Amino acid sequence: MKEKNYYNEIKNIIETYEVNHRVRALQDNSEKLQMNWNIGRLLVEAQGGLNRAKYGDGLIKQWSIDFMRDYGKHYNVRELRRMRQFYLLFSIWSAVPTKISWSHIIELLSLKNKNELNYYINQVILNHLSTRELREMIKSKAYDRLSYADKENIQLIDNNNSTSLTIEDMIKDPILIKTNKETNKLNEKAFINILSVC
């Protein structure tokens, strides 16, 4: 009996850590996207606006030297160009799909067709695709295999920026637990309580 208590206590500690870790990872991702978007916005503005930002990388090359020296290689010329391209792709912050990672964004930067971009973003969100899976999907031209009608006017899945998360948002391939409690909204305490009942 005593061992079972220790087991449950250890299990609760692990579950608390895992849930908190995933929540922090989602928050960190959103912060990183917002930081990169803001850097991209400022680079575009410093280069003279949307029309001129596509040309002339002198400013980025010059600034990247200082940023790399002070903050590390994440701020090299290539990364700063990606941040600028990210802003050019999503010039309104509320349009940024915050449910995908910066690695996903990098894979999507080469896409020019808005419907194609929306299609792949939706696939990442709906199917919880890893960066590698997204890359393979783009490489295999999944969008091109859609019917002409399906390619028209593809809308992004609602970009819900609220802090209430579903189980699918937290875990790549969730094991859904049947319970009488409402599980559409997830918080740390409710998740742990549901798991401890099982």
C-alpha atoms as a PDB file:
ATOM      1  CA  MET A   1       0.000   0.000   0.000  1.00  0.00           C
ATOM      2  CA  LYS A   2       2.822   2.349   0.891  1.00  0.00           C
ATOM      3  CA  GLU A   3       4.566   1.699  -2.449  1.00  0.00           C
ATOM      4  CA  LYS A   4       1.369   2.604  -4.330  1.00  0.00           C
ATOM      5  CA  ASN A   5       1.296   6.006  -2.595  1.00  0.00           C
ATOM      6  CA  TYR A   6       4.905   6.697  -3.600  1.00  0.00           C
ATOM      7  CA  TYR A   7       4.140   5.552  -7.132  1.00  0.00           C
ATOM      8  CA  ASN A   8       1.147   7.916  -7.388  1.00  0.00           C
ATOM      9  CA  GLU A   9       3.154  10.790  -5.947  1.00  0.00           C
ATOM     10  CA  ILE A  10       5.958  10.250  -8.475  1.00  0.00           C
ATOM     11  CA  LYS A  11       3.396   9.916 -11.252  1.00  0.00           C
ATOM     12  CA  ASN A  12       1.801  13.237 -10.243  1.00  0.00           C
ATOM     13  CA  ILE A  13       5.181  14.976 -10.225  1.00  0.00           C
ATOM     14  CA  ILE A  14       5.981  13.656 -13.704  1.00  0.00           C
ATOM     15  CA  GLU A  15       2.557  14.592 -15.073  1.00  0.00           C
ATOM     16  CA  THR A  16       2.764  18.087 -13.591  1.00  0.00           C
ATOM     17  CA  TYR A  17       6.196  18.593 -15.118  1.00  0.00           C
ATOM     18  CA  GLU A  18       5.128  17.282 -18.556  1.00  0.00           C
ATOM     19  CA  VAL A  19       2.038  19.489 -18.720  1.00  0.00           C
ATOM     20  CA  ASN A  20       3.953  22.557 -17.503  1.00  0.00           C
ATOM     21  CA  HIS A  21       6.765  21.806 -19.949  1.00  0.00           C
ATOM     22  CA  ARG A  22       4.338  21.661 -22.886  1.00  0.00           C
ATOM     23  CA  VAL A  23       2.588  24.861 -21.794  1.00  0.00           C
ATOM     24  CA  ARG A  24       5.943  26.656 -21.539  1.00  0.00           C
ATOM     25  CA  ALA A  25       6.981  25.301 -24.964  1.00  0.00           C
ATOM     26  CA  LEU A  26       3.805  26.721 -26.545  1.00  0.00           C
ATOM     27  CA  GLN A  27       4.359  30.079 -24.830  1.00  0.00           C
ATOM     28  CA  ASP A  28       8.032  30.127 -25.879  1.00  0.00           C
ATOM     29  CA  ASN A  29       7.035  29.372 -29.481  1.00  0.00           C
ATOM     30  CA  SER A  30       4.559  32.246 -29.526  1.00  0.00           C
ATOM     31  CA  GLU A  31       7.144  34.612 -28.028  1.00  0.00           C
ATOM     32  CA  LYS A  32       9.771  33.519 -30.560  1.00  0.00           C
ATOM     33  CA  LEU A  33       7.377  34.034 -33.463  1.00  0.00           C
ATOM     34  CA  GLN A  34       6.433  37.475 -32.180  1.00  0.00           C
ATOM     35  CA  MET A  35      10.082  38.438 -31.643  1.00  0.00           C
ATOM     36  CA  ASN A  36      11.056  37.294 -35.152  1.00  0.00           C
ATOM     37  CA  TRP A  37       8.041  39.054 -36.669  1.00  0.00           C
ATOM     38  CA  ASN A  38       8.896  42.303 -34.852  1.00  0.00           C
ATOM     39  CA  ILE A  39      12.539  42.098 -35.964  1.00  0.00           C
ATOM     40  CA  GLY A  40      11.326  41.519 -39.528  1.00  0.00           C
ATOM     41  CA  ARG A  41       8.976  44.515 -39.278  1.00  0.00           C
ATOM     42  CA  LEU A  42      11.738  46.792 -38.015  1.00  0.00           C
ATOM     43  CA  LEU A  43      14.131  45.603 -40.733  1.00  0.00           C
ATOM     44  CA  VAL A  44      11.525  46.372 -43.391  1.00  0.00           C
ATOM     45  CA  GLU A  45      10.885  49.811 -41.910  1.00  0.00           C
ATOM     46  CA  ALA A  46      14.633  50.530 -41.614  1.00  0.00           C
ATOM     47  CA  GLN A  47      15.088  49.594 -45.276  1.00  0.00           C
ATOM     48  CA  GLY A  48      12.440  52.058 -46.396  1.00  0.00           C
ATOM     49  CA  GLY A  49       9.166  50.111 -46.315  1.00  0.00           C
ATOM     50  CA  LEU A  50       7.590  47.157 -48.095  1.00  0.00           C
ATOM     51  CA  ASN A  51       8.572  48.174 -51.635  1.00  0.00           C
ATOM     52  CA  ARG A  52      12.280  48.684 -50.925  1.00  0.00           C
ATOM     53  CA  ALA A  53      12.762  45.928 -48.321  1.00  0.00           C
ATOM     54  CA  LYS A  54      13.016  43.209 -50.961  1.00  0.00           C
ATOM     55  CA  TYR A  55      16.236  44.760 -52.263  1.00  0.00           C
ATOM     56  CA  GLY A  56      19.553  45.685 -50.757  1.00  0.00           C
ATOM     57  CA  ASP A  57      20.810  43.527 -47.937  1.00  0.00           C
ATOM     58  CA  GLY A  58      23.594  45.915 -46.926  1.00  0.00           C
ATOM     59  CA  LEU A  59      21.838  46.940 -43.753  1.00  0.00           C
ATOM     60  CA  ILE A  60      21.147  43.334 -42.738  1.00  0.00           C
ATOM     61  CA  LYS A  61      24.755  42.305 -43.408  1.00  0.00           C
ATOM     62  CA  GLN A  62      26.073  45.225 -41.383  1.00  0.00           C
ATOM     63  CA  TRP A  63      23.732  44.706 -38.428  1.00  0.00           C
ATOM     64  CA  SER A  64      24.093  40.922 -38.356  1.00  0.00           C
ATOM     65  CA  ILE A  65      27.788  41.262 -37.529  1.00  0.00           C
ATOM     66  CA  ASP A  66      26.961  43.204 -34.356  1.00  0.00           C
ATOM     67  CA  PHE A  67      23.985  41.023 -33.428  1.00  0.00           C
ATOM     68  CA  MET A  68      25.967  37.795 -33.863  1.00  0.00           C
ATOM     69  CA  ARG A  69      28.830  39.159 -31.764  1.00  0.00           C
ATOM     70  CA  ASP A  70      26.470  40.249 -28.970  1.00  0.00           C
ATOM     71  CA  TYR A  71      23.721  37.586 -29.086  1.00  0.00           C
ATOM     72  CA  GLY A  72      24.937  34.565 -31.025  1.00  0.00           C
ATOM     73  CA  LYS A  73      24.632  32.970 -34.448  1.00  0.00           C
ATOM     74  CA  HIS A  74      20.806  32.960 -34.448  1.00  0.00           C
ATOM     75  CA  TYR A  75      21.061  36.541 -35.720  1.00  0.00           C
ATOM     76  CA  ASN A  76      23.188  35.832 -38.806  1.00  0.00           C
ATOM     77  CA  VAL A  77      22.388  37.279 -42.242  1.00  0.00           C
ATOM     78  CA  ARG A  78      20.298  34.289 -43.308  1.00  0.00           C
ATOM     79  CA  GLU A  79      18.160  34.357 -40.161  1.00  0.00           C
ATOM     80  CA  LEU A  80      17.610  38.121 -40.381  1.00  0.00           C
ATOM     81  CA  ARG A  81      16.548  37.697 -44.030  1.00  0.00           C
ATOM     82  CA  ARG A  82      14.116  34.991 -42.935  1.00  0.00           C
ATOM     83  CA  MET A  83      12.671  37.300 -40.279  1.00  0.00           C
ATOM     84  CA  ARG A  84      12.223  40.027 -42.882  1.00  0.00           C
ATOM     85  CA  GLN A  85      10.604  37.536 -45.275  1.00  0.00           C
ATOM     86  CA  PHE A  86       8.357  36.315 -42.441  1.00  0.00           C
ATOM     87  CA  TYR A  87       7.099  39.851 -41.905  1.00  0.00           C
ATOM     88  CA  LEU A  88       6.614  40.362 -45.652  1.00  0.00           C
ATOM     89  CA  LEU A  89       4.561  37.147 -45.758  1.00  0.00           C
ATOM     90  CA  PHE A  90       2.431  38.064 -42.713  1.00  0.00           C
ATOM     91  CA  SER A  91       2.455  41.851 -42.454  1.00  0.00           C
ATOM     92  CA  ILE A  92      -0.325  41.771 -39.826  1.00  0.00           C
ATOM     93  CA  TRP A  93       0.524  40.038 -36.529  1.00  0.00           C
ATOM     94  CA  SER A  94      -3.017  38.727 -36.024  1.00  0.00           C
ATOM     95  CA  ALA A  95      -2.642  36.786 -39.299  1.00  0.00           C
ATOM     96  CA  VAL A  96       0.399  34.876 -38.022  1.00  0.00           C
ATOM     97  CA  PRO A  97      -0.457  31.216 -37.350  1.00  0.00           C
ATOM     98  CA  THR A  98       0.900  30.953 -33.789  1.00  0.00           C
ATOM     99  CA  LYS A  99       0.077  27.254 -33.539  1.00  0.00           C
ATOM    100  CA  ILE A 100       3.038  26.403 -35.753  1.00  0.00           C
ATOM    101  CA  SER A 101       6.723  26.727 -34.928  1.00  0.00           C
ATOM    102  CA  TRP A 102       9.478  28.897 -36.376  1.00  0.00           C
ATOM    103  CA  SER A 103      10.891  25.759 -38.037  1.00  0.00           C
ATOM    104  CA  HIS A 104       7.576  25.306 -39.840  1.00  0.00           C
ATOM    105  CA  ILE A 105       7.601  28.972 -40.873  1.00  0.00           C
ATOM    106  CA  ILE A 106      11.070  28.551 -42.400  1.00  0.00           C
ATOM    107  CA  GLU A 107       9.791  25.668 -44.539  1.00  0.00           C
ATOM    108  CA  LEU A 108       6.845  27.797 -45.705  1.00  0.00           C
ATOM    109  CA  LEU A 109       8.802  30.943 -46.605  1.00  0.00           C
ATOM    110  CA  SER A 110       9.457  29.809 -50.177  1.00  0.00           C
ATOM    111  CA  LEU A 111       5.739  29.514 -50.993  1.00  0.00           C
ATOM    112  CA  LYS A 112       4.328  32.409 -52.999  1.00  0.00           C
ATOM    113  CA  ASN A 113       0.739  31.238 -53.592  1.00  0.00           C
ATOM    114  CA  LYS A 114      -1.520  32.320 -50.687  1.00  0.00           C
ATOM    115  CA  ASN A 115      -3.856  29.315 -51.081  1.00  0.00           C
ATOM    116  CA  GLU A 116      -0.899  26.916 -51.098  1.00  0.00           C
ATOM    117  CA  LEU A 117       0.538  28.567 -47.999  1.00  0.00           C
ATOM    118  CA  ASN A 118      -2.813  28.348 -46.188  1.00  0.00           C
ATOM    119  CA  TYR A 119      -3.218  24.696 -47.224  1.00  0.00           C
ATOM    120  CA  TYR A 120       0.120  23.653 -45.713  1.00  0.00           C
ATOM    121  CA  ILE A 121      -0.406  25.696 -42.539  1.00  0.00           C
ATOM    122  CA  ASN A 122      -3.791  24.017 -42.068  1.00  0.00           C
ATOM    123  CA  GLN A 123      -2.220  20.595 -42.613  1.00  0.00           C
ATOM    124  CA  VAL A 124       0.397  21.277 -39.925  1.00  0.00           C
ATOM    125  CA  ILE A 125      -2.264  22.364 -37.441  1.00  0.00           C
ATOM    126  CA  LEU A 126      -4.809  19.624 -38.222  1.00  0.00           C
ATOM    127  CA  ASN A 127      -2.346  16.739 -38.472  1.00  0.00           C
ATOM    128  CA  HIS A 128       0.267  17.930 -35.958  1.00  0.00           C
ATOM    129  CA  LEU A 129       2.972  17.600 -38.613  1.00  0.00           C
ATOM    130  CA  SER A 130       6.607  17.801 -37.634  1.00  0.00           C
ATOM    131  CA  THR A 131       8.905  20.030 -39.663  1.00  0.00           C
ATOM    132  CA  ARG A 132      10.236  16.973 -41.484  1.00  0.00           C
ATOM    133  CA  GLU A 133       6.713  15.789 -42.333  1.00  0.00           C
ATOM    134  CA  LEU A 134       5.813  19.255 -43.633  1.00  0.00           C
ATOM    135  CA  ARG A 135       8.980  19.351 -45.750  1.00  0.00           C
ATOM    136  CA  GLU A 136       8.107  15.960 -47.253  1.00  0.00           C
ATOM    137  CA  MET A 137       4.535  17.065 -47.936  1.00  0.00           C
ATOM    138  CA  ILE A 138       5.756  20.183 -49.754  1.00  0.00           C
ATOM    139  CA  LYS A 139       8.366  18.163 -51.647  1.00  0.00           C
ATOM    140  CA  SER A 140       5.725  15.655 -52.767  1.00  0.00           C
ATOM    141  CA  LYS A 141       3.576  18.584 -53.993  1.00  0.00           C
ATOM    142  CA  ALA A 142       0.482  17.602 -52.002  1.00  0.00           C
ATOM    143  CA  TYR A 143      -1.147  20.945 -52.797  1.00  0.00           C
ATOM    144  CA  ASP A 144      -0.691  20.442 -56.548  1.00  0.00           C
ATOM    145  CA  ARG A 145      -2.605  17.163 -56.367  1.00  0.00           C
ATOM    146  CA  LEU A 146      -5.734  18.895 -55.059  1.00  0.00           C
ATOM    147  CA  SER A 147      -8.583  19.418 -57.499  1.00  0.00           C
ATOM    148  CA  TYR A 148      -8.868  22.888 -59.018  1.00  0.00           C
ATOM    149  CA  ALA A 149     -11.983  23.603 -56.934  1.00  0.00           C
ATOM    150  CA  ASP A 150     -10.223  22.586 -53.708  1.00  0.00           C
ATOM    151  CA  LYS A 151      -7.343  24.982 -54.444  1.00  0.00           C
ATOM    152  CA  GLU A 152      -9.626  28.006 -54.599  1.00  0.00           C
ATOM    153  CA  ASN A 153      -9.882  30.377 -51.649  1.00  0.00           C
ATOM    154  CA  ILE A 154      -8.337  28.191 -48.930  1.00  0.00           C
ATOM    155  CA  GLN A 155      -8.848  29.949 -45.594  1.00  0.00           C
ATOM    156  CA  LEU A 156      -6.597  29.544 -42.596  1.00  0.00           C
ATOM    157  CA  ILE A 157      -7.994  27.681 -39.646  1.00  0.00           C
ATOM    158  CA  ASP A 158      -9.160  30.164 -37.026  1.00  0.00           C
ATOM    159  CA  ASN A 159      -6.068  31.492 -35.296  1.00  0.00           C
ATOM    160  CA  ASN A 160      -7.231  31.158 -31.700  1.00  0.00           C
ATOM    161  CA  ASN A 161      -4.742  33.074 -29.573  1.00  0.00           C
ATOM    162  CA  SER A 162      -6.538  32.374 -26.317  1.00  0.00           C
ATOM    163  CA  THR A 163      -4.800  30.562 -23.514  1.00  0.00           C
ATOM    164  CA  SER A 164      -7.388  27.777 -23.327  1.00  0.00           C
ATOM    165  CA  LEU A 165      -5.887  24.813 -25.114  1.00  0.00           C
ATOM    166  CA  THR A 166      -7.310  21.540 -26.306  1.00  0.00           C
ATOM    167  CA  ILE A 167      -5.659  18.204 -25.685  1.00  0.00           C
ATOM    168  CA  GLU A 168      -4.707  18.107 -29.376  1.00  0.00           C
ATOM    169  CA  ASP A 169      -2.827  21.405 -28.939  1.00  0.00           C
ATOM    170  CA  MET A 170      -0.768  19.973 -26.108  1.00  0.00           C
ATOM    171  CA  ILE A 171       0.130  16.488 -27.286  1.00  0.00           C
ATOM    172  CA  LYS A 172       1.015  15.367 -30.806  1.00  0.00           C
ATOM    173  CA  ASP A 173      -0.903  12.069 -30.789  1.00  0.00           C
ATOM    174  CA  PRO A 174      -3.129  12.261 -27.731  1.00  0.00           C
ATOM    175  CA  ILE A 175      -4.735   9.288 -26.096  1.00  0.00           C
ATOM    176  CA  LEU A 176      -8.213  10.521 -25.373  1.00  0.00           C
ATOM    177  CA  ILE A 177      -9.643   9.490 -22.029  1.00  0.00           C
ATOM    178  CA  LYS A 178     -13.373   9.094 -21.654  1.00  0.00           C
ATOM    179  CA  THR A 179     -14.637  11.080 -18.736  1.00  0.00           C
ATOM    180  CA  ASN A 180     -17.776  12.850 -17.622  1.00  0.00           C
ATOM    181  CA  LYS A 181     -15.848  16.089 -17.224  1.00  0.00           C
ATOM    182  CA  GLU A 182     -15.518  18.777 -19.899  1.00  0.00           C
ATOM    183  CA  THR A 183     -12.136  18.231 -21.611  1.00  0.00           C
ATOM    184  CA  ASN A 184     -12.371  20.727 -24.473  1.00  0.00           C
ATOM    185  CA  LYS A 185     -10.628  23.296 -22.315  1.00  0.00           C
ATOM    186  CA  LEU A 186      -7.454  22.144 -20.697  1.00  0.00           C
ATOM    187  CA  ASN A 187      -5.607  23.518 -17.769  1.00  0.00           C
ATOM    188  CA  GLU A 188      -2.855  21.920 -15.764  1.00  0.00           C
ATOM    189  CA  LYS A 189      -4.929  21.020 -12.707  1.00  0.00           C
ATOM    190  CA  ALA A 190      -7.842  19.543 -14.687  1.00  0.00           C
ATOM    191  CA  PHE A 191      -5.467  17.494 -16.831  1.00  0.00           C
ATOM    192  CA  ILE A 192      -3.694  16.043 -13.809  1.00  0.00           C
ATOM    193  CA  ASN A 193      -6.990  15.316 -12.067  1.00  0.00           C
ATOM    194  CA  ILE A 194      -8.305  13.457 -15.123  1.00  0.00           C
ATOM    195  CA  LEU A 195      -5.129  11.383 -15.379  1.00  0.00           C
ATOM    196  CA  SER A 196      -5.073  10.555 -11.682  1.00  0.00           C
ATOM    197  CA  VAL A 197      -8.610   9.126 -11.913  1.00  0.00           C
ATOM    198  CA  CYS A 198      -7.513   6.636 -14.594  1.00  0.00           C
END
